[in-house]
N, C-alpha and C. Protein backbone atom coordinates (compact mmCIF):
# COMPACT_ATOMS: atom_id res chain seq x y z
N MET A 1 297.17 34.12 141.82
CA MET A 1 297.47 34.06 140.53
C MET A 1 298.98 34.35 140.28
N PRO A 2 299.48 33.53 139.43
CA PRO A 2 301.04 33.69 139.20
C PRO A 2 301.37 35.18 138.71
N ALA A 3 302.46 35.44 139.02
CA ALA A 3 303.03 36.91 138.55
C ALA A 3 303.00 37.04 137.27
N TRP A 4 303.49 35.99 136.39
CA TRP A 4 303.73 36.05 134.99
C TRP A 4 302.18 36.26 134.26
N VAL A 5 301.20 35.79 134.95
CA VAL A 5 299.82 36.09 134.48
C VAL A 5 299.35 37.48 134.57
N LYS A 6 299.66 37.98 135.88
CA LYS A 6 299.38 39.37 136.22
C LYS A 6 300.12 40.24 135.26
N ASP A 7 301.44 40.05 135.02
CA ASP A 7 302.12 40.86 134.13
C ASP A 7 301.52 40.82 132.64
N GLY A 8 301.18 39.56 132.16
CA GLY A 8 300.43 39.59 130.93
C GLY A 8 299.23 40.31 130.72
N VAL A 9 298.57 40.30 131.81
CA VAL A 9 297.08 41.04 131.88
C VAL A 9 297.44 42.46 131.90
N ARG A 10 298.35 42.88 132.69
CA ARG A 10 298.78 44.43 132.55
C ARG A 10 299.18 44.88 131.32
N GLY A 11 300.00 44.01 130.55
CA GLY A 11 300.38 44.28 129.37
C GLY A 11 299.18 44.48 128.29
N ILE A 12 298.25 43.50 128.38
CA ILE A 12 297.01 43.55 127.41
C ILE A 12 296.30 44.92 127.69
N LEU A 13 296.20 45.29 129.07
CA LEU A 13 295.35 46.42 129.45
C LEU A 13 295.95 47.73 129.25
N ARG A 14 297.33 47.85 128.86
CA ARG A 14 297.96 49.07 128.75
C ARG A 14 297.14 50.12 127.93
N PRO A 15 296.77 49.67 126.61
CA PRO A 15 296.14 50.56 125.75
C PRO A 15 294.80 51.03 126.28
N VAL A 16 294.08 50.17 127.07
CA VAL A 16 292.94 50.55 127.69
C VAL A 16 293.08 51.58 128.68
N VAL A 17 294.20 51.52 129.40
CA VAL A 17 294.62 52.53 130.46
C VAL A 17 294.85 53.85 129.76
N ARG A 18 295.58 53.67 128.55
CA ARG A 18 295.93 55.08 127.85
C ARG A 18 294.74 55.58 127.25
N LEU A 19 293.78 54.79 126.89
CA LEU A 19 292.58 55.32 126.39
C LEU A 19 291.72 56.01 127.48
N ALA A 20 291.70 55.39 128.66
CA ALA A 20 290.94 56.10 129.79
C ALA A 20 291.64 57.36 130.15
N MET A 21 292.86 57.41 130.05
CA MET A 21 293.51 58.75 130.33
C MET A 21 293.26 59.63 129.28
N ALA A 22 293.25 59.36 128.12
CA ALA A 22 292.86 60.30 127.02
C ALA A 22 291.48 60.80 127.18
N LEU A 23 290.55 60.04 127.62
CA LEU A 23 289.16 60.38 127.87
C LEU A 23 288.99 61.09 129.12
N HIS A 24 290.15 61.16 129.94
CA HIS A 24 290.02 61.92 131.37
C HIS A 24 289.00 61.07 132.21
N LEU A 25 288.97 59.71 132.11
CA LEU A 25 288.27 58.91 133.00
C LEU A 25 289.16 58.74 134.33
N THR A 26 288.43 58.91 135.39
CA THR A 26 289.05 58.71 136.99
C THR A 26 289.03 57.19 137.17
N PRO A 27 289.94 56.78 138.08
CA PRO A 27 289.72 55.37 138.64
C PRO A 27 288.38 55.04 139.04
N ASN A 28 287.87 56.09 139.76
CA ASN A 28 286.51 55.66 140.43
C ASN A 28 285.46 55.57 139.31
N ALA A 29 285.59 56.40 138.20
CA ALA A 29 284.61 56.14 137.15
C ALA A 29 284.78 54.83 136.46
N ILE A 30 285.87 54.33 136.35
CA ILE A 30 286.32 53.04 135.71
C ILE A 30 285.61 51.88 136.64
N THR A 31 285.81 52.20 137.90
CA THR A 31 285.25 51.13 138.92
C THR A 31 283.68 51.17 138.82
N VAL A 32 283.03 52.16 138.67
CA VAL A 32 281.70 52.26 138.62
C VAL A 32 281.13 51.66 137.11
N ILE A 33 281.81 51.89 136.25
CA ILE A 33 281.67 51.36 134.78
C ILE A 33 281.80 49.79 134.80
N GLY A 34 282.82 49.37 135.41
CA GLY A 34 282.88 47.89 135.56
C GLY A 34 281.87 47.30 136.31
N LEU A 35 281.26 47.91 137.30
CA LEU A 35 280.08 47.33 137.98
C LEU A 35 278.97 47.28 137.22
N LEU A 36 278.54 48.28 136.34
CA LEU A 36 277.56 48.28 135.34
C LEU A 36 277.65 47.14 134.43
N ILE A 37 278.86 47.02 133.84
CA ILE A 37 279.08 46.00 132.97
C ILE A 37 278.87 44.58 133.53
N VAL A 38 279.30 44.37 134.72
CA VAL A 38 279.01 43.15 135.49
C VAL A 38 277.58 42.87 135.62
N ALA A 39 276.86 43.99 136.04
CA ALA A 39 275.46 43.97 136.21
C ALA A 39 274.69 43.46 135.01
N ILE A 40 275.16 44.08 133.79
CA ILE A 40 274.42 43.74 132.32
C ILE A 40 274.76 42.22 132.20
N ALA A 41 275.94 41.73 132.43
CA ALA A 41 276.34 40.31 132.20
C ALA A 41 275.55 39.39 133.10
N SER A 42 275.23 39.74 134.34
CA SER A 42 274.43 39.14 135.20
C SER A 42 273.01 38.95 134.80
N VAL A 43 272.51 40.00 134.16
CA VAL A 43 271.18 39.97 133.59
C VAL A 43 271.07 38.90 132.48
N LEU A 44 272.05 39.03 131.65
CA LEU A 44 272.14 38.14 130.47
C LEU A 44 272.17 36.63 131.06
N VAL A 45 273.04 36.42 132.01
CA VAL A 45 272.97 35.02 132.59
C VAL A 45 271.75 34.53 133.21
N ALA A 46 271.17 35.38 133.92
CA ALA A 46 269.67 35.10 134.53
C ALA A 46 268.85 34.78 133.51
N GLY A 47 268.97 35.47 132.19
CA GLY A 47 268.08 35.20 131.10
C GLY A 47 268.47 33.98 130.25
N GLY A 48 269.53 33.13 130.53
CA GLY A 48 269.88 32.02 129.82
C GLY A 48 270.99 32.43 128.67
N GLN A 49 271.41 33.69 128.63
CA GLN A 49 272.47 33.96 127.59
C GLN A 49 273.82 33.88 128.25
N LEU A 50 274.12 32.53 128.49
CA LEU A 50 275.34 32.25 129.26
C LEU A 50 276.77 32.62 128.64
N LEU A 51 276.80 32.16 127.34
CA LEU A 51 278.06 32.44 126.82
C LEU A 51 278.37 33.92 126.52
N LEU A 52 277.23 34.66 126.17
CA LEU A 52 277.52 36.24 125.98
C LEU A 52 277.62 36.75 127.52
N GLY A 53 276.92 36.27 128.38
CA GLY A 53 277.11 36.77 129.85
C GLY A 53 278.52 36.57 130.11
N ALA A 54 279.14 35.32 129.84
CA ALA A 54 280.35 35.18 130.30
C ALA A 54 281.53 35.95 129.64
N VAL A 55 281.27 36.27 128.50
CA VAL A 55 282.32 37.15 127.84
C VAL A 55 282.09 38.63 128.23
N ILE A 56 281.01 39.11 128.53
CA ILE A 56 280.83 40.54 129.01
C ILE A 56 281.34 40.69 130.49
N LEU A 57 281.03 39.46 131.35
CA LEU A 57 281.52 39.33 132.58
C LEU A 57 282.91 39.45 132.58
N THR A 58 283.61 38.83 131.69
CA THR A 58 285.18 38.75 131.66
C THR A 58 285.66 40.33 131.35
N ALA A 59 284.91 40.88 130.44
CA ALA A 59 285.29 42.40 130.08
C ALA A 59 285.03 43.21 131.32
N GLY A 60 283.89 43.01 131.99
CA GLY A 60 283.73 43.91 133.21
C GLY A 60 284.63 43.70 134.41
N SER A 61 285.01 42.42 134.51
CA SER A 61 286.06 42.04 135.56
C SER A 61 287.44 42.56 135.31
N LEU A 62 287.77 42.55 133.99
CA LEU A 62 289.20 43.17 133.52
C LEU A 62 289.29 44.77 133.90
N LEU A 63 288.08 45.38 134.00
CA LEU A 63 288.16 46.75 134.22
C LEU A 63 288.61 47.07 135.70
N ASP A 64 288.36 45.72 136.62
CA ASP A 64 288.79 45.95 137.80
C ASP A 64 290.28 46.17 137.97
N ALA A 65 291.05 45.52 136.98
CA ALA A 65 292.56 45.70 137.00
C ALA A 65 292.92 47.18 136.23
N VAL A 66 291.90 47.62 135.46
CA VAL A 66 292.23 48.98 134.73
C VAL A 66 292.28 50.06 135.92
N ASP A 67 291.22 50.06 136.80
CA ASP A 67 291.23 51.23 137.65
C ASP A 67 292.47 51.18 138.55
N GLY A 68 293.11 50.12 139.01
CA GLY A 68 294.24 50.10 139.76
C GLY A 68 295.37 50.65 138.95
N ALA A 69 295.47 50.15 137.65
CA ALA A 69 296.55 50.77 136.81
C ALA A 69 296.48 52.26 136.45
N LEU A 70 295.33 52.56 136.34
CA LEU A 70 295.08 54.01 136.05
C LEU A 70 295.40 54.73 137.34
N ALA A 71 295.06 54.30 138.45
CA ALA A 71 295.39 55.11 139.66
C ALA A 71 296.87 55.15 139.72
N ARG A 72 297.57 54.09 139.43
CA ARG A 72 299.13 54.21 139.62
C ARG A 72 299.76 55.08 138.61
N ALA A 73 299.02 55.19 137.35
CA ALA A 73 299.51 56.00 136.30
C ALA A 73 299.33 57.52 136.64
N ASN A 74 298.35 57.75 137.42
CA ASN A 74 297.96 59.00 137.88
C ASN A 74 298.64 59.54 139.18
N GLY A 75 299.71 58.69 139.67
CA GLY A 75 300.44 59.02 140.92
C GLY A 75 299.92 58.27 142.10
N GLY A 76 298.96 57.39 142.01
CA GLY A 76 298.50 56.60 143.29
C GLY A 76 297.14 56.87 143.40
N GLY A 77 296.44 55.94 144.17
CA GLY A 77 295.11 56.02 144.48
C GLY A 77 294.86 56.83 145.82
N THR A 78 293.57 56.86 146.00
CA THR A 78 293.13 57.61 147.18
C THR A 78 292.45 56.64 148.29
N ALA A 79 292.29 57.18 149.43
CA ALA A 79 291.63 56.26 150.50
C ALA A 79 290.20 55.88 150.04
N PHE A 80 289.46 56.76 149.47
CA PHE A 80 288.23 56.67 149.04
C PHE A 80 288.22 55.73 147.88
N GLY A 81 289.10 55.97 146.98
CA GLY A 81 289.06 55.03 145.75
C GLY A 81 289.25 53.58 146.26
N SER A 82 290.07 53.42 147.12
CA SER A 82 290.28 52.03 147.60
C SER A 82 289.04 51.47 148.33
N PHE A 83 288.35 52.43 149.06
CA PHE A 83 287.22 51.98 149.75
C PHE A 83 286.04 51.59 148.71
N LEU A 84 285.96 52.43 147.51
CA LEU A 84 284.88 52.21 146.73
C LEU A 84 285.13 50.98 145.86
N ASP A 85 286.43 50.85 145.41
CA ASP A 85 286.79 49.63 144.70
C ASP A 85 286.35 48.23 145.61
N SER A 86 286.87 48.25 146.83
CA SER A 86 286.52 47.04 147.59
C SER A 86 285.04 46.85 147.74
N THR A 87 284.25 48.02 147.88
CA THR A 87 282.87 47.83 148.20
C THR A 87 282.25 47.47 146.92
N LEU A 88 282.46 48.18 145.78
CA LEU A 88 281.80 47.61 144.56
C LEU A 88 282.16 46.29 144.13
N ASP A 89 283.50 45.79 144.52
CA ASP A 89 283.77 44.47 144.11
C ASP A 89 282.78 43.42 144.92
N ARG A 90 282.54 43.62 146.16
CA ARG A 90 281.53 42.95 146.95
C ARG A 90 280.16 43.00 146.23
N ALA A 91 279.87 44.25 145.88
CA ALA A 91 278.46 44.33 145.21
C ALA A 91 278.57 43.57 143.87
N GLY A 92 279.48 43.65 143.03
CA GLY A 92 279.62 43.04 141.79
C GLY A 92 279.47 41.48 142.13
N GLU A 93 280.03 40.85 143.01
CA GLU A 93 280.19 39.57 143.28
C GLU A 93 278.72 39.11 143.62
N ALA A 94 278.09 39.91 144.47
CA ALA A 94 276.75 39.65 144.92
C ALA A 94 275.84 39.59 143.65
N ILE A 95 275.87 40.53 142.80
CA ILE A 95 275.22 40.67 141.56
C ILE A 95 275.56 39.39 140.50
N VAL A 96 276.62 39.04 140.52
CA VAL A 96 276.97 37.85 139.59
C VAL A 96 276.15 36.53 140.12
N TYR A 97 276.33 36.29 141.47
CA TYR A 97 275.66 35.07 142.14
C TYR A 97 274.12 35.22 141.97
N GLY A 98 273.56 36.45 142.02
CA GLY A 98 272.19 36.65 141.96
C GLY A 98 271.82 36.29 140.50
N GLY A 99 272.67 36.78 139.45
CA GLY A 99 272.44 36.20 138.10
C GLY A 99 272.32 34.75 137.89
N ILE A 100 273.32 34.06 138.63
CA ILE A 100 273.35 32.53 138.47
C ILE A 100 272.08 32.12 139.22
N ALA A 101 271.67 32.64 140.33
CA ALA A 101 270.37 32.11 141.17
C ALA A 101 269.09 32.45 140.05
N GLY A 102 269.27 33.45 139.51
CA GLY A 102 268.12 33.83 138.64
C GLY A 102 267.96 32.82 137.41
N TYR A 103 269.16 32.33 136.87
CA TYR A 103 269.34 31.39 135.93
C TYR A 103 268.59 30.21 136.30
N TYR A 104 268.86 29.60 137.46
CA TYR A 104 268.41 28.43 138.02
C TYR A 104 266.95 28.53 138.38
N LEU A 105 266.39 29.61 138.73
CA LEU A 105 265.00 29.85 139.20
C LEU A 105 264.22 29.73 137.91
N LEU A 106 264.79 30.20 136.85
CA LEU A 106 263.95 30.44 135.55
C LEU A 106 264.19 29.11 134.81
N SER A 107 264.94 28.23 135.13
CA SER A 107 264.98 26.89 134.57
C SER A 107 263.82 26.07 134.68
N PRO A 108 263.65 25.03 133.87
CA PRO A 108 262.44 24.19 133.90
C PRO A 108 262.76 23.12 134.99
N THR A 109 263.91 22.84 135.47
CA THR A 109 264.20 21.90 136.34
C THR A 109 264.03 22.37 137.83
N ASP A 110 264.17 21.61 138.82
CA ASP A 110 263.90 22.03 140.25
C ASP A 110 265.12 22.69 140.49
N PRO A 111 264.97 24.08 140.99
CA PRO A 111 266.10 24.98 141.29
C PRO A 111 266.59 24.81 142.76
N THR A 112 266.14 24.07 143.57
CA THR A 112 266.16 24.31 145.12
C THR A 112 267.70 24.08 145.43
N TRP A 113 268.08 23.04 144.97
CA TRP A 113 269.66 22.59 145.34
C TRP A 113 270.73 23.53 144.69
N PRO A 114 270.51 23.85 143.42
CA PRO A 114 271.45 24.77 142.70
C PRO A 114 271.43 26.20 143.41
N VAL A 115 270.34 26.58 143.77
CA VAL A 115 270.15 27.92 144.37
C VAL A 115 270.80 27.94 145.71
N LEU A 116 270.45 26.84 146.42
CA LEU A 116 271.17 26.78 147.81
C LEU A 116 272.66 26.72 147.58
N LEU A 117 273.14 26.00 146.76
CA LEU A 117 274.63 25.87 146.41
C LEU A 117 275.18 27.32 146.04
N VAL A 118 274.45 28.04 145.29
CA VAL A 118 274.79 29.39 144.96
C VAL A 118 274.97 30.30 146.20
N LEU A 119 273.90 30.24 147.15
CA LEU A 119 273.97 30.96 148.30
C LEU A 119 275.12 30.60 149.27
N VAL A 120 275.47 29.38 149.32
CA VAL A 120 276.63 28.84 150.15
C VAL A 120 277.84 29.41 149.49
N ALA A 121 278.00 29.30 148.17
CA ALA A 121 279.12 29.84 147.50
C ALA A 121 279.21 31.32 147.67
N LEU A 122 278.36 32.17 147.63
CA LEU A 122 278.35 33.61 147.85
C LEU A 122 278.77 33.90 149.33
N ALA A 123 278.04 33.14 150.29
CA ALA A 123 278.37 33.35 151.64
C ALA A 123 280.07 33.09 151.95
N GLY A 124 280.33 32.00 151.39
CA GLY A 124 281.87 31.67 151.63
C GLY A 124 282.75 32.73 150.91
N SER A 125 282.31 33.25 149.88
CA SER A 125 283.15 34.39 149.05
C SER A 125 283.14 35.72 150.05
N PHE A 126 282.00 35.92 150.67
CA PHE A 126 281.95 37.11 151.36
C PHE A 126 282.75 36.93 152.74
N MET A 127 282.66 35.59 153.32
CA MET A 127 283.58 35.36 154.29
C MET A 127 285.03 35.64 154.15
N VAL A 128 285.35 35.12 153.02
CA VAL A 128 286.88 35.35 152.61
C VAL A 128 287.27 36.85 152.70
N SER A 129 286.55 37.55 152.07
CA SER A 129 286.78 39.13 152.03
C SER A 129 286.74 39.73 153.41
N TYR A 130 285.73 39.24 154.15
CA TYR A 130 285.34 39.85 155.45
C TYR A 130 286.58 39.57 156.30
N ALA A 131 287.15 38.25 156.30
CA ALA A 131 288.16 37.94 157.17
C ALA A 131 289.27 38.66 156.88
N ARG A 132 289.70 39.13 155.66
CA ARG A 132 290.80 39.90 155.38
C ARG A 132 290.69 41.41 155.80
N ALA A 133 289.44 41.82 155.79
CA ALA A 133 288.96 43.16 156.18
C ALA A 133 289.05 43.39 157.67
N ARG A 134 288.60 42.28 158.36
CA ARG A 134 288.67 42.37 159.67
C ARG A 134 290.14 42.34 160.34
N ALA A 135 291.11 41.54 159.56
CA ALA A 135 292.43 41.39 159.92
C ALA A 135 293.04 42.78 159.60
N GLU A 136 292.73 43.44 158.53
CA GLU A 136 293.40 44.71 158.28
C GLU A 136 292.91 45.75 159.28
N GLY A 137 291.66 45.58 159.79
CA GLY A 137 291.00 46.48 160.72
C GLY A 137 291.78 46.51 162.10
N ILE A 138 292.45 45.24 162.32
CA ILE A 138 293.29 45.26 163.64
C ILE A 138 294.66 45.46 163.26
N GLY A 139 295.21 45.87 162.08
CA GLY A 139 296.50 45.98 161.82
C GLY A 139 297.31 44.89 161.36
N LEU A 140 296.53 43.80 160.88
CA LEU A 140 297.32 42.38 160.44
C LEU A 140 297.00 42.20 158.98
N SER A 141 297.76 41.41 158.47
CA SER A 141 297.67 41.12 157.07
C SER A 141 296.91 39.91 156.97
N ALA A 142 295.95 39.47 156.07
CA ALA A 142 295.52 38.20 155.80
C ALA A 142 295.07 37.93 154.38
N SER A 143 296.01 38.13 153.56
CA SER A 143 295.82 37.99 152.14
C SER A 143 296.19 36.58 151.58
N VAL A 144 296.47 35.70 152.54
CA VAL A 144 296.79 34.26 152.18
C VAL A 144 295.50 33.43 151.82
N GLY A 145 295.74 32.26 151.26
CA GLY A 145 294.55 31.40 151.04
C GLY A 145 294.52 31.04 149.58
N LEU A 146 293.49 29.85 149.34
CA LEU A 146 293.55 29.18 148.16
C LEU A 146 292.49 30.06 147.12
N ALA A 147 291.59 30.73 147.72
CA ALA A 147 290.54 31.37 146.82
C ALA A 147 290.37 32.80 147.06
N PRO A 148 291.39 33.72 146.71
CA PRO A 148 291.07 34.93 146.64
C PRO A 148 290.13 35.40 145.47
N ARG A 149 289.69 36.70 145.51
CA ARG A 149 288.63 37.02 144.48
C ARG A 149 289.00 36.78 143.17
N THR A 150 290.29 37.01 142.57
CA THR A 150 290.41 36.65 141.18
C THR A 150 290.23 35.21 140.81
N GLU A 151 290.64 34.45 141.69
CA GLU A 151 290.57 32.92 141.49
C GLU A 151 288.97 32.50 141.48
N ARG A 152 288.33 32.88 142.32
CA ARG A 152 286.89 32.84 142.38
C ARG A 152 286.17 33.23 141.06
N LEU A 153 286.57 34.48 140.71
CA LEU A 153 285.91 34.95 139.51
C LEU A 153 286.32 34.16 138.21
N VAL A 154 287.60 33.66 138.19
CA VAL A 154 288.03 32.86 136.89
C VAL A 154 287.13 31.50 137.05
N LEU A 155 286.87 30.87 138.24
CA LEU A 155 286.09 29.64 138.38
C LEU A 155 284.52 29.97 137.99
N VAL A 156 284.12 31.04 138.44
CA VAL A 156 282.63 31.26 138.11
C VAL A 156 282.41 31.64 136.60
N ILE A 157 283.42 32.35 135.96
CA ILE A 157 283.19 32.56 134.51
C ILE A 157 283.32 31.41 133.77
N ALA A 158 284.33 30.64 134.16
CA ALA A 158 284.62 29.18 133.49
C ALA A 158 283.23 28.33 133.66
N GLY A 159 282.61 28.24 134.79
CA GLY A 159 281.48 27.52 134.90
C GLY A 159 280.22 28.10 134.18
N ILE A 160 280.09 29.31 134.03
CA ILE A 160 278.95 29.88 133.24
C ILE A 160 279.17 29.50 131.74
N ALA A 161 280.52 29.72 131.42
CA ALA A 161 280.84 29.34 129.87
C ALA A 161 280.71 27.88 129.57
N LEU A 162 281.00 27.03 130.56
CA LEU A 162 280.61 25.58 130.24
C LEU A 162 279.16 25.24 130.18
N ALA A 163 278.41 25.99 131.13
CA ALA A 163 277.01 25.74 131.10
C ALA A 163 276.33 26.30 129.85
N GLY A 164 277.03 27.46 129.31
CA GLY A 164 276.49 27.76 127.97
C GLY A 164 276.89 27.12 126.75
N LEU A 165 277.85 26.25 126.89
CA LEU A 165 278.33 25.26 125.90
C LEU A 165 277.48 23.90 126.09
N GLY A 166 276.55 23.92 127.02
CA GLY A 166 275.85 22.76 127.21
C GLY A 166 276.20 21.79 128.44
N TYR A 167 277.29 22.20 128.87
CA TYR A 167 277.82 21.32 130.18
C TYR A 167 277.43 21.95 131.43
N GLY A 168 276.19 21.74 131.76
CA GLY A 168 275.60 22.29 133.01
C GLY A 168 276.31 21.83 134.26
N ILE A 169 276.84 20.69 134.13
CA ILE A 169 277.59 20.18 135.38
C ILE A 169 278.79 21.06 135.69
N GLY A 170 279.31 21.88 134.71
CA GLY A 170 280.46 22.62 134.83
C GLY A 170 280.17 23.82 135.77
N LEU A 171 279.06 24.38 135.71
CA LEU A 171 278.71 25.43 136.62
C LEU A 171 278.52 24.90 138.03
N ILE A 172 277.70 23.91 138.19
CA ILE A 172 277.58 23.16 139.42
C ILE A 172 278.85 22.82 140.08
N GLY A 173 279.83 22.22 139.23
CA GLY A 173 281.13 21.92 139.64
C GLY A 173 281.90 23.11 140.23
N ALA A 174 281.87 24.18 139.45
CA ALA A 174 282.51 25.44 139.82
C ALA A 174 282.09 25.97 141.16
N LEU A 175 280.75 25.94 141.29
CA LEU A 175 280.11 26.47 142.51
C LEU A 175 280.54 25.59 143.75
N ILE A 176 280.59 24.17 143.54
CA ILE A 176 281.14 23.33 144.57
C ILE A 176 282.52 23.56 144.97
N ILE A 177 283.38 23.77 143.95
CA ILE A 177 284.89 24.07 144.24
C ILE A 177 284.91 25.36 144.88
N ILE A 178 284.22 26.49 144.48
CA ILE A 178 284.36 27.78 145.17
C ILE A 178 283.94 27.55 146.51
N THR A 179 282.80 26.83 146.85
CA THR A 179 282.35 26.62 148.15
C THR A 179 283.48 25.85 149.14
N VAL A 180 284.12 24.91 148.49
CA VAL A 180 285.09 24.20 149.38
C VAL A 180 286.40 25.07 149.62
N LEU A 181 286.77 25.73 148.51
CA LEU A 181 288.04 26.65 148.65
C LEU A 181 287.74 27.75 149.39
N THR A 182 286.59 28.36 149.50
CA THR A 182 286.41 29.45 150.28
C THR A 182 286.30 29.16 151.76
N VAL A 183 285.71 27.88 152.08
CA VAL A 183 285.75 27.48 153.53
C VAL A 183 287.33 27.23 153.97
N ALA A 184 287.98 26.62 152.99
CA ALA A 184 289.45 26.48 153.30
C ALA A 184 290.18 27.65 153.56
N THR A 185 289.81 28.72 152.61
CA THR A 185 290.61 29.98 152.79
C THR A 185 290.14 30.78 154.07
N VAL A 186 288.93 30.63 154.31
CA VAL A 186 288.67 31.32 155.65
C VAL A 186 289.27 30.68 156.83
N ILE A 187 289.47 29.37 156.94
CA ILE A 187 290.19 28.63 157.98
C ILE A 187 291.73 29.07 157.99
N GLN A 188 292.27 29.08 156.79
CA GLN A 188 293.61 29.47 156.53
C GLN A 188 293.90 30.99 157.19
N ARG A 189 293.00 31.88 156.86
CA ARG A 189 293.28 33.16 157.25
C ARG A 189 292.86 33.32 158.78
N ILE A 190 292.02 32.59 159.29
CA ILE A 190 291.72 32.66 160.76
C ILE A 190 293.18 32.21 161.47
N TRP A 191 293.62 30.98 160.97
CA TRP A 191 294.86 30.46 161.58
C TRP A 191 296.12 31.46 161.37
N HIS A 192 296.17 31.94 160.21
CA HIS A 192 297.18 32.90 159.89
C HIS A 192 297.10 34.15 160.98
N VAL A 193 296.01 34.80 160.94
CA VAL A 193 295.71 36.01 161.86
C VAL A 193 296.02 35.45 163.35
N ARG A 194 295.64 34.30 163.74
CA ARG A 194 295.77 33.97 165.09
C ARG A 194 297.41 33.87 165.33
N LYS A 195 298.23 33.42 164.41
CA LYS A 195 299.71 33.30 164.57
C LYS A 195 300.21 34.63 164.66
N LEU A 196 299.75 35.57 163.88
CA LEU A 196 300.34 36.84 163.66
C LEU A 196 300.02 37.60 164.89
N ALA A 197 298.65 37.48 165.25
CA ALA A 197 298.17 38.11 166.70
C ALA A 197 299.00 37.75 167.94
N GLY A 198 299.25 36.36 167.85
CA GLY A 198 300.07 35.75 169.07
C GLY A 198 301.43 36.30 168.99
N ALA A 199 302.17 36.39 167.77
CA ALA A 199 303.52 36.94 167.62
C ALA A 199 303.52 38.42 168.05
N ARG A 200 302.50 39.15 167.71
CA ARG A 200 302.61 40.60 168.09
C ARG A 200 302.35 40.77 169.52
N ALA A 201 301.49 39.85 170.03
CA ALA A 201 301.29 39.99 171.56
C ALA A 201 302.52 39.55 172.35
N ALA A 202 303.20 38.54 171.84
CA ALA A 202 304.47 38.17 172.48
C ALA A 202 305.62 39.20 172.35
N ALA A 203 305.59 39.77 171.23
CA ALA A 203 306.65 40.84 170.94
C ALA A 203 306.32 42.08 171.92
N SER A 204 305.12 42.31 172.22
CA SER A 204 304.67 43.48 173.08
C SER A 204 304.71 43.20 174.60
N GLY A 205 304.74 41.79 174.76
CA GLY A 205 304.73 41.47 176.18
C GLY A 205 303.39 41.42 176.85
N THR A 206 302.28 41.59 176.14
CA THR A 206 300.90 41.65 176.50
C THR A 206 300.15 40.58 175.92
N MET A 207 298.98 40.26 176.48
CA MET A 207 298.01 39.42 176.12
C MET A 207 297.23 39.93 175.04
N ASP A 208 297.09 39.39 173.77
CA ASP A 208 296.32 39.86 172.61
C ASP A 208 294.84 39.54 173.15
N THR A 209 293.98 40.76 173.04
CA THR A 209 292.57 40.81 173.19
C THR A 209 291.87 41.34 171.94
N THR A 210 290.53 40.68 171.80
CA THR A 210 289.88 41.29 170.63
C THR A 210 288.48 41.58 171.16
N SER A 211 287.76 42.50 170.54
CA SER A 211 286.57 42.58 170.91
C SER A 211 285.52 41.99 170.08
N LYS A 212 284.30 41.68 170.65
CA LYS A 212 283.28 41.10 170.12
C LYS A 212 282.44 42.09 169.17
N GLU A 213 282.14 41.80 167.86
CA GLU A 213 281.28 42.56 167.04
C GLU A 213 279.87 42.00 166.89
N ASN A 214 278.88 42.86 167.23
CA ASN A 214 277.52 42.45 167.13
C ASN A 214 277.12 42.35 165.73
């Protein structure tokens, strides 16, 4: 996401951060509240209330920026706060896709292919996050790629909103785009980490080795 967009969002959220500080809410509390709002939005989406679900999902997703801003305003985040935020981000993403799958399962048309597409998009999204986490676990950075979490979230909210306006192909299109971009992003991150690992091995004069994970 462009830096000017991030700056604009931060400016919009400053009053929310000040309110959270006045209410003595912690960043971790904001993270949990955000997940609850996302869950409510996903239930609405599953029930066919797509436009309302998209609006509430947007509000819940914006809280993800509030907890980070609140942590910085309080002097910095904690290791547990970072862990909780990342973990609940994945949970929220799974809940959103679950809501979309529920919407298709409850629709009168054959849900088979749309639900399979939802599952593939979810798997791709999780692989993007997993690739970055594993890279960071071996001391390397892998934040590159076409489809980080924010971009995926924008696409899925736009798709839900379009479907709510009667353009069901918009949600299918968003899921297809997410699937393609997440696969591309995973490949980008694998290639990026390979280069970084090779450079690190060359700098240390040793062969880079990795352990297999069951």
